[in-house]
Each structure stands twice: as structure tokens, then as C-alpha cells.
Amino acid sequence: MEYRRLGQRDLDSFIGLRIRQLREEGATEDVDLRPALLDYYIRHMKDGTFVAWFAVDDDRIVGTSGMSFVEKPPYFGCPSGRMGLLSSMYTDPGYRRCGIAKELLRRVIDEARAYGCGTVQITASDMGVKLYGAFGFVHNDNFMQYKL
């Protein structure tokens, strides 16, 4: 298994796996996300506020991880105010339970640490809760969302 940091040449495949992940999680498709995802990744890779890693087996991407960096006013749980928002954690079903997701998670966590983040957050799928818990993530029931 080879692990590589995401570059522009791999964006189409990365976006395809992101959409596959969202479908597996039960998302309803009412818009074409490809243009918005491409725009987001290009802009934020360029300014350094998005990084991603992927696992490759025989030139085929079989797993992904992504991290967006945001800044909020500092608080006691994160005195730097810098946070990592974990996304795009996906492993092809044929490659699950082989340690790929754990390695991809480690790599984006290292990126968040290097960026100066004081915390990393994710809205975890049911499938991911065990992985994140074993890695040291703690569940927080305070997350709420207001859709505009």
C-alpha cells in the first residue's frame, strides 16, 4: 500500500470517492456536488487550509482522509483557536479492517498538529465511531447545526 498527499492530478478520483462516501452514508443527491467540491479543494489546497492523504493499491485510490483548518476565537479547550475539521474519511469496502483508515487518520492528525491546531473535530458516521474512539477521540453531545 502506498500513501500519498493529495495533489491536483488526483482531484477527480478524490472527488469521486468523496461522493461515494456521502452516498454510503445515506445522503440525498439533489445537486451536482462535483463543481463545488473541485472549487473548494483547489482554493483551500492553494492557501494551505485543506490537506488530504490517500491510500493507493496498484494505481487505484482505495482510501482517503481530509482535514480543513479553521480558526475560531480561542477557548479553554483550544487556546490556539485553530481547529482541524476531519472529513473525507473513506475506505473502499474491499479494503476495510486492514489498518488503512487508521494510517490515513494518523497522517491528517499529524498535519493538524503541524498547522498548530489545538483540537480536531468530526461528525462521525456510525461506522467511524469505533475508529475515532480507538484513536482517542471523545464523543461530544454539544454539536448542533442550523441549516441555512
N, C-alpha and C. Protein backbone atom coordinates (compact mmCIF):
# COMPACT_ATOMS: atom_id res chain seq x y z
N MET A 1 0.85 -1.17 0.00
CA MET A 1 0.00 0.00 0.00
C MET A 1 0.89 1.23 0.00
N GLU A 2 0.58 2.16 -0.87
CA GLU A 2 1.31 3.43 -0.93
C GLU A 2 0.40 4.54 -0.40
N TYR A 3 0.97 5.46 0.36
CA TYR A 3 0.23 6.61 0.89
C TYR A 3 0.82 7.87 0.28
N ARG A 4 -0.07 8.73 -0.25
CA ARG A 4 0.38 9.96 -0.88
C ARG A 4 -0.49 11.13 -0.42
N ARG A 5 0.12 12.29 -0.40
CA ARG A 5 -0.61 13.52 -0.12
C ARG A 5 -1.34 13.93 -1.39
N LEU A 6 -2.57 14.43 -1.23
CA LEU A 6 -3.38 14.81 -2.37
C LEU A 6 -2.78 15.97 -3.13
N GLY A 7 -2.74 15.84 -4.45
CA GLY A 7 -2.33 16.90 -5.36
C GLY A 7 -3.42 17.07 -6.40
N GLN A 8 -3.30 18.11 -7.21
CA GLN A 8 -4.36 18.42 -8.18
C GLN A 8 -4.60 17.29 -9.18
N ARG A 9 -3.57 16.54 -9.51
CA ARG A 9 -3.75 15.48 -10.52
C ARG A 9 -4.68 14.37 -10.05
N ASP A 10 -4.87 14.25 -8.75
CA ASP A 10 -5.71 13.19 -8.20
C ASP A 10 -7.09 13.68 -7.76
N LEU A 11 -7.41 14.94 -8.03
CA LEU A 11 -8.66 15.51 -7.53
C LEU A 11 -9.91 14.81 -8.06
N ASP A 12 -9.94 14.45 -9.33
CA ASP A 12 -11.13 13.79 -9.88
C ASP A 12 -11.43 12.48 -9.14
N SER A 13 -10.40 11.68 -8.92
CA SER A 13 -10.60 10.42 -8.20
C SER A 13 -10.99 10.68 -6.75
N PHE A 14 -10.35 11.66 -6.12
CA PHE A 14 -10.65 12.00 -4.74
C PHE A 14 -12.11 12.45 -4.61
N ILE A 15 -12.57 13.28 -5.52
CA ILE A 15 -13.95 13.76 -5.50
C ILE A 15 -14.92 12.59 -5.72
N GLY A 16 -14.58 11.69 -6.61
CA GLY A 16 -15.42 10.52 -6.83
C GLY A 16 -15.60 9.70 -5.56
N LEU A 17 -14.51 9.52 -4.82
CA LEU A 17 -14.61 8.76 -3.57
C LEU A 17 -15.37 9.54 -2.51
N ARG A 18 -15.23 10.87 -2.49
CA ARG A 18 -15.99 11.69 -1.53
C ARG A 18 -17.49 11.53 -1.80
N ILE A 19 -17.90 11.55 -3.05
CA ILE A 19 -19.31 11.39 -3.39
C ILE A 19 -19.78 9.97 -3.05
N ARG A 20 -18.93 8.99 -3.31
CA ARG A 20 -19.27 7.60 -2.95
C ARG A 20 -19.47 7.48 -1.45
N GLN A 21 -18.61 8.13 -0.66
CA GLN A 21 -18.73 8.13 0.80
C GLN A 21 -20.07 8.73 1.22
N LEU A 22 -20.42 9.88 0.66
CA LEU A 22 -21.67 10.55 1.03
C LEU A 22 -22.87 9.67 0.69
N ARG A 23 -22.82 9.01 -0.45
CA ARG A 23 -23.92 8.11 -0.82
C ARG A 23 -24.04 6.95 0.16
N GLU A 24 -22.90 6.35 0.54
CA GLU A 24 -22.92 5.24 1.50
C GLU A 24 -23.50 5.67 2.84
N GLU A 25 -23.29 6.94 3.20
CA GLU A 25 -23.80 7.46 4.47
C GLU A 25 -25.27 7.85 4.38
N GLY A 26 -25.88 7.67 3.19
CA GLY A 26 -27.30 7.91 3.04
C GLY A 26 -27.69 9.30 2.58
N ALA A 27 -26.74 10.07 2.08
CA ALA A 27 -27.04 11.43 1.61
C ALA A 27 -28.00 11.39 0.43
N THR A 28 -28.89 12.37 0.40
CA THR A 28 -29.81 12.53 -0.72
C THR A 28 -29.17 13.47 -1.73
N GLU A 29 -29.10 13.03 -2.96
CA GLU A 29 -28.46 13.84 -4.00
C GLU A 29 -29.49 14.72 -4.67
N ASP A 30 -29.43 16.03 -4.34
CA ASP A 30 -30.34 16.96 -5.02
C ASP A 30 -29.58 18.01 -5.80
N VAL A 31 -28.24 17.95 -5.78
CA VAL A 31 -27.39 18.85 -6.57
C VAL A 31 -26.16 18.08 -7.04
N ASP A 32 -25.52 18.59 -8.06
CA ASP A 32 -24.25 18.02 -8.53
C ASP A 32 -23.14 18.66 -7.71
N LEU A 33 -22.55 17.90 -6.79
CA LEU A 33 -21.53 18.43 -5.90
C LEU A 33 -20.15 18.56 -6.54
N ARG A 34 -19.91 17.90 -7.66
CA ARG A 34 -18.57 17.90 -8.25
C ARG A 34 -17.99 19.30 -8.45
N PRO A 35 -18.72 20.24 -9.08
CA PRO A 35 -18.12 21.58 -9.28
C PRO A 35 -17.79 22.29 -7.96
N ALA A 36 -18.67 22.18 -6.98
CA ALA A 36 -18.43 22.84 -5.69
C ALA A 36 -17.25 22.20 -4.96
N LEU A 37 -17.15 20.87 -4.99
CA LEU A 37 -16.02 20.19 -4.36
C LEU A 37 -14.71 20.55 -5.03
N LEU A 38 -14.70 20.56 -6.36
CA LEU A 38 -13.49 20.92 -7.09
C LEU A 38 -13.04 22.34 -6.73
N ASP A 39 -13.98 23.28 -6.73
CA ASP A 39 -13.67 24.66 -6.37
C ASP A 39 -13.11 24.73 -4.95
N TYR A 40 -13.76 24.07 -4.01
CA TYR A 40 -13.32 24.09 -2.61
C TYR A 40 -11.90 23.55 -2.48
N TYR A 41 -11.67 22.36 -3.02
CA TYR A 41 -10.37 21.73 -2.85
C TYR A 41 -9.26 22.55 -3.51
N ILE A 42 -9.48 23.06 -4.69
CA ILE A 42 -8.45 23.87 -5.36
C ILE A 42 -8.12 25.10 -4.53
N ARG A 43 -9.13 25.84 -4.09
CA ARG A 43 -8.89 27.08 -3.32
C ARG A 43 -8.19 26.79 -2.00
N HIS A 44 -8.67 25.79 -1.29
CA HIS A 44 -8.13 25.56 0.05
C HIS A 44 -6.82 24.77 0.06
N MET A 45 -6.56 24.00 -0.97
CA MET A 45 -5.23 23.39 -1.08
C MET A 45 -4.21 24.49 -1.38
N LYS A 46 -4.61 25.43 -2.21
CA LYS A 46 -3.70 26.53 -2.58
C LYS A 46 -3.33 27.39 -1.38
N ASP A 47 -4.30 27.71 -0.51
CA ASP A 47 -3.99 28.57 0.64
C ASP A 47 -3.56 27.78 1.88
N GLY A 48 -3.46 26.45 1.76
CA GLY A 48 -2.96 25.63 2.85
C GLY A 48 -3.97 25.30 3.93
N THR A 49 -5.26 25.56 3.68
CA THR A 49 -6.27 25.28 4.71
C THR A 49 -7.03 23.97 4.45
N PHE A 50 -6.55 23.18 3.50
CA PHE A 50 -7.08 21.83 3.30
C PHE A 50 -5.93 20.93 2.87
N VAL A 51 -5.82 19.80 3.54
CA VAL A 51 -4.86 18.77 3.15
C VAL A 51 -5.58 17.44 3.13
N ALA A 52 -5.09 16.54 2.35
CA ALA A 52 -5.68 15.21 2.28
C ALA A 52 -4.60 14.20 1.95
N TRP A 53 -4.84 12.99 2.39
CA TRP A 53 -3.97 11.86 2.08
C TRP A 53 -4.84 10.76 1.49
N PHE A 54 -4.22 9.92 0.70
CA PHE A 54 -4.96 8.78 0.18
C PHE A 54 -4.06 7.56 0.10
N ALA A 55 -4.71 6.42 0.11
CA ALA A 55 -4.03 5.13 0.00
C ALA A 55 -4.23 4.60 -1.41
N VAL A 56 -3.15 4.09 -1.98
CA VAL A 56 -3.19 3.61 -3.36
C VAL A 56 -2.71 2.17 -3.40
N ASP A 57 -3.47 1.34 -4.09
CA ASP A 57 -3.09 -0.05 -4.33
C ASP A 57 -3.12 -0.27 -5.83
N ASP A 58 -1.97 -0.55 -6.43
CA ASP A 58 -1.87 -0.75 -7.88
C ASP A 58 -2.50 0.40 -8.66
N ASP A 59 -2.13 1.63 -8.36
CA ASP A 59 -2.60 2.84 -9.04
C ASP A 59 -4.09 3.12 -8.84
N ARG A 60 -4.71 2.46 -7.89
CA ARG A 60 -6.13 2.68 -7.60
C ARG A 60 -6.26 3.26 -6.20
N ILE A 61 -6.94 4.42 -6.07
CA ILE A 61 -7.16 5.02 -4.76
C ILE A 61 -8.20 4.19 -4.03
N VAL A 62 -7.82 3.68 -2.85
CA VAL A 62 -8.72 2.80 -2.09
C VAL A 62 -9.11 3.39 -0.73
N GLY A 63 -8.51 4.52 -0.36
CA GLY A 63 -8.86 5.17 0.90
C GLY A 63 -8.47 6.62 0.89
N THR A 64 -9.24 7.45 1.61
CA THR A 64 -8.97 8.87 1.65
C THR A 64 -9.16 9.42 3.06
N SER A 65 -8.51 10.54 3.30
CA SER A 65 -8.72 11.31 4.53
C SER A 65 -8.48 12.78 4.18
N GLY A 66 -9.21 13.66 4.81
CA GLY A 66 -9.04 15.09 4.55
C GLY A 66 -9.16 15.90 5.83
N MET A 67 -8.52 17.07 5.83
CA MET A 67 -8.56 17.94 7.00
C MET A 67 -8.63 19.38 6.53
N SER A 68 -9.66 20.08 6.99
CA SER A 68 -9.79 21.52 6.76
C SER A 68 -9.35 22.23 8.03
N PHE A 69 -8.64 23.33 7.87
CA PHE A 69 -8.18 24.10 9.02
C PHE A 69 -8.99 25.38 9.12
N VAL A 70 -9.53 25.62 10.30
CA VAL A 70 -10.31 26.84 10.56
C VAL A 70 -9.80 27.47 11.85
N GLU A 71 -10.14 28.73 12.03
CA GLU A 71 -9.74 29.42 13.25
C GLU A 71 -10.95 30.08 13.87
N LYS A 72 -11.09 29.88 15.17
CA LYS A 72 -12.17 30.47 15.96
C LYS A 72 -11.52 31.26 17.09
N PRO A 73 -12.30 32.07 17.78
CA PRO A 73 -11.72 32.71 18.96
C PRO A 73 -11.24 31.63 19.93
N PRO A 74 -10.07 31.81 20.53
CA PRO A 74 -9.56 30.81 21.46
C PRO A 74 -10.55 30.55 22.60
N TYR A 75 -10.53 29.32 23.09
CA TYR A 75 -11.34 28.95 24.25
C TYR A 75 -10.52 27.96 25.07
N PHE A 76 -10.99 27.64 26.27
CA PHE A 76 -10.19 26.81 27.18
C PHE A 76 -9.84 25.46 26.57
N GLY A 77 -10.74 24.88 25.81
CA GLY A 77 -10.47 23.58 25.19
C GLY A 77 -9.55 23.67 23.99
N CYS A 78 -9.32 24.88 23.48
CA CYS A 78 -8.46 25.07 22.30
C CYS A 78 -7.87 26.48 22.36
N PRO A 79 -6.85 26.68 23.19
CA PRO A 79 -6.29 28.02 23.38
C PRO A 79 -5.71 28.67 22.11
N SER A 80 -5.35 27.87 21.12
CA SER A 80 -4.84 28.45 19.86
C SER A 80 -5.97 28.97 18.98
N GLY A 81 -7.17 28.45 19.19
CA GLY A 81 -8.29 28.79 18.32
C GLY A 81 -8.25 28.07 16.98
N ARG A 82 -7.15 27.42 16.68
CA ARG A 82 -7.02 26.69 15.41
C ARG A 82 -7.58 25.29 15.57
N MET A 83 -8.45 24.93 14.64
CA MET A 83 -9.12 23.63 14.70
C MET A 83 -8.98 22.90 13.37
N GLY A 84 -8.91 21.59 13.45
CA GLY A 84 -8.96 20.76 12.27
C GLY A 84 -10.34 20.15 12.16
N LEU A 85 -10.93 20.22 10.99
CA LEU A 85 -12.22 19.59 10.73
C LEU A 85 -11.96 18.40 9.81
N LEU A 86 -12.11 17.23 10.36
CA LEU A 86 -11.82 16.00 9.65
C LEU A 86 -12.97 15.67 8.70
N SER A 87 -12.63 15.29 7.49
CA SER A 87 -13.65 14.92 6.51
C SER A 87 -13.07 13.91 5.54
N SER A 88 -13.91 13.44 4.66
CA SER A 88 -13.46 12.59 3.56
C SER A 88 -12.76 11.32 4.03
N MET A 89 -13.09 10.84 5.22
CA MET A 89 -12.54 9.57 5.67
C MET A 89 -13.35 8.47 4.98
N TYR A 90 -12.68 7.77 4.08
CA TYR A 90 -13.37 6.72 3.33
C TYR A 90 -12.39 5.64 2.94
N THR A 91 -12.82 4.39 3.09
CA THR A 91 -12.04 3.25 2.63
C THR A 91 -12.95 2.36 1.79
N ASP A 92 -12.48 1.97 0.64
CA ASP A 92 -13.22 1.05 -0.23
C ASP A 92 -13.60 -0.18 0.59
N PRO A 93 -14.86 -0.66 0.44
CA PRO A 93 -15.30 -1.81 1.25
C PRO A 93 -14.38 -3.02 1.20
N GLY A 94 -13.76 -3.28 0.07
CA GLY A 94 -12.87 -4.43 -0.06
C GLY A 94 -11.55 -4.27 0.69
N TYR A 95 -11.28 -3.10 1.21
CA TYR A 95 -10.02 -2.82 1.89
C TYR A 95 -10.21 -2.46 3.37
N ARG A 96 -11.41 -2.56 3.85
CA ARG A 96 -11.69 -2.18 5.24
C ARG A 96 -11.13 -3.21 6.22
N ARG A 97 -10.86 -2.74 7.43
CA ARG A 97 -10.35 -3.54 8.55
C ARG A 97 -8.94 -4.06 8.27
N CYS A 98 -8.16 -3.25 7.53
CA CYS A 98 -6.77 -3.60 7.22
C CYS A 98 -5.79 -2.55 7.75
N GLY A 99 -6.29 -1.57 8.50
CA GLY A 99 -5.42 -0.54 9.06
C GLY A 99 -5.23 0.68 8.18
N ILE A 100 -5.87 0.71 7.02
CA ILE A 100 -5.70 1.83 6.09
C ILE A 100 -6.28 3.12 6.68
N ALA A 101 -7.50 3.06 7.18
CA ALA A 101 -8.13 4.26 7.74
C ALA A 101 -7.32 4.80 8.93
N LYS A 102 -6.80 3.91 9.75
CA LYS A 102 -6.00 4.34 10.90
C LYS A 102 -4.75 5.09 10.44
N GLU A 103 -4.10 4.57 9.42
CA GLU A 103 -2.90 5.24 8.91
C GLU A 103 -3.24 6.59 8.26
N LEU A 104 -4.33 6.63 7.51
CA LEU A 104 -4.75 7.90 6.89
C LEU A 104 -5.12 8.92 7.97
N LEU A 105 -5.80 8.47 9.01
CA LEU A 105 -6.17 9.35 10.11
C LEU A 105 -4.91 9.89 10.80
N ARG A 106 -3.95 9.03 11.05
CA ARG A 106 -2.70 9.46 11.68
C ARG A 106 -2.02 10.56 10.86
N ARG A 107 -2.04 10.39 9.56
CA ARG A 107 -1.36 11.37 8.69
C ARG A 107 -2.05 12.74 8.73
N VAL A 108 -3.38 12.79 8.69
CA VAL A 108 -4.03 14.10 8.74
C VAL A 108 -3.98 14.71 10.14
N ILE A 109 -3.95 13.87 11.17
CA ILE A 109 -3.77 14.38 12.54
C ILE A 109 -2.38 15.02 12.66
N ASP A 110 -1.37 14.39 12.08
CA ASP A 110 -0.03 14.98 12.07
C ASP A 110 -0.02 16.33 11.35
N GLU A 111 -0.79 16.42 10.27
CA GLU A 111 -0.89 17.69 9.53
C GLU A 111 -1.53 18.77 10.42
N ALA A 112 -2.57 18.39 11.17
CA ALA A 112 -3.25 19.35 12.06
C ALA A 112 -2.30 19.81 13.16
N ARG A 113 -1.53 18.90 13.69
CA ARG A 113 -0.55 19.24 14.73
C ARG A 113 0.48 20.22 14.17
N ALA A 114 0.97 19.94 12.98
CA ALA A 114 1.97 20.82 12.35
C ALA A 114 1.39 22.21 12.04
N TYR A 115 0.11 22.26 11.74
CA TYR A 115 -0.56 23.54 11.45
C TYR A 115 -0.78 24.36 12.73
N GLY A 116 -0.68 23.72 13.88
CA GLY A 116 -0.87 24.40 15.15
C GLY A 116 -2.26 24.27 15.72
N CYS A 117 -3.01 23.28 15.24
CA CYS A 117 -4.37 23.08 15.75
C CYS A 117 -4.32 22.59 17.20
N GLY A 118 -5.29 23.05 17.97
CA GLY A 118 -5.42 22.60 19.35
C GLY A 118 -6.44 21.51 19.51
N THR A 119 -7.24 21.27 18.47
CA THR A 119 -8.26 20.24 18.52
C THR A 119 -8.62 19.82 17.10
N VAL A 120 -9.17 18.62 16.99
CA VAL A 120 -9.69 18.10 15.73
C VAL A 120 -11.10 17.62 15.99
N GLN A 121 -12.01 17.94 15.09
CA GLN A 121 -13.41 17.53 15.23
C GLN A 121 -13.87 16.80 13.99
N ILE A 122 -14.87 15.94 14.20
CA ILE A 122 -15.51 15.23 13.09
C ILE A 122 -16.95 14.93 13.48
N THR A 123 -17.81 14.94 12.48
CA THR A 123 -19.14 14.38 12.64
C THR A 123 -19.02 12.97 12.10
N ALA A 124 -18.97 12.01 12.99
CA ALA A 124 -18.64 10.64 12.62
C ALA A 124 -19.86 9.84 12.19
N SER A 125 -19.67 9.02 11.17
CA SER A 125 -20.69 8.05 10.80
C SER A 125 -20.68 6.94 11.84
N ASP A 126 -21.72 6.14 11.87
CA ASP A 126 -21.77 5.01 12.80
C ASP A 126 -20.57 4.09 12.61
N MET A 127 -20.17 3.92 11.36
CA MET A 127 -19.06 3.02 11.04
C MET A 127 -17.73 3.57 11.58
N GLY A 128 -17.59 4.91 11.61
CA GLY A 128 -16.32 5.50 12.01
C GLY A 128 -16.12 5.68 13.50
N VAL A 129 -17.19 5.59 14.28
CA VAL A 129 -17.10 5.86 15.72
C VAL A 129 -16.05 4.99 16.41
N LYS A 130 -15.98 3.71 16.07
CA LYS A 130 -15.01 2.82 16.71
C LYS A 130 -13.58 3.23 16.37
N LEU A 131 -13.33 3.57 15.12
CA LEU A 131 -12.00 4.00 14.69
C LEU A 131 -11.58 5.25 15.47
N TYR A 132 -12.45 6.24 15.51
CA TYR A 132 -12.09 7.50 16.17
C TYR A 132 -11.95 7.33 17.67
N GLY A 133 -12.83 6.54 18.27
CA GLY A 133 -12.72 6.27 19.70
C GLY A 133 -11.41 5.57 20.05
N ALA A 134 -11.03 4.58 19.25
CA ALA A 134 -9.78 3.85 19.49
C ALA A 134 -8.57 4.76 19.31
N PHE A 135 -8.71 5.78 18.46
CA PHE A 135 -7.61 6.71 18.22
C PHE A 135 -7.48 7.73 19.34
N GLY A 136 -8.56 7.92 20.12
CA GLY A 136 -8.52 8.86 21.24
C GLY A 136 -9.54 9.98 21.17
N PHE A 137 -10.38 9.99 20.13
CA PHE A 137 -11.43 11.00 20.04
C PHE A 137 -12.45 10.74 21.16
N VAL A 138 -13.03 11.81 21.68
CA VAL A 138 -14.04 11.72 22.72
C VAL A 138 -15.33 12.28 22.16
N HIS A 139 -16.44 11.56 22.38
CA HIS A 139 -17.74 12.00 21.86
C HIS A 139 -18.21 13.24 22.60
N ASN A 140 -18.75 14.21 21.85
CA ASN A 140 -19.27 15.45 22.42
C ASN A 140 -20.71 15.62 21.97
N ASP A 141 -21.63 15.62 22.90
CA ASP A 141 -23.05 15.73 22.56
C ASP A 141 -23.51 17.16 22.33
N ASN A 142 -22.61 18.13 22.37
CA ASN A 142 -22.99 19.53 22.25
C ASN A 142 -23.12 20.02 20.81
N PHE A 143 -22.69 19.25 19.84
CA PHE A 143 -22.73 19.72 18.46
C PHE A 143 -24.16 19.83 17.96
N MET A 144 -24.50 20.99 17.46
CA MET A 144 -25.81 21.22 16.84
C MET A 144 -25.58 21.96 15.53
N GLN A 145 -26.54 21.88 14.65
CA GLN A 145 -26.39 22.53 13.34
C GLN A 145 -27.68 23.23 12.98
N TYR A 146 -27.54 24.38 12.35
CA TYR A 146 -28.67 25.14 11.84
C TYR A 146 -28.46 25.30 10.35
N LYS A 147 -29.34 24.74 9.56
CA LYS A 147 -29.18 24.76 8.10
C LYS A 147 -29.77 26.04 7.53
N LEU A 148 -29.00 26.73 6.73
CA LEU A 148 -29.47 27.97 6.09
C LEU A 148 -29.98 27.71 4.69
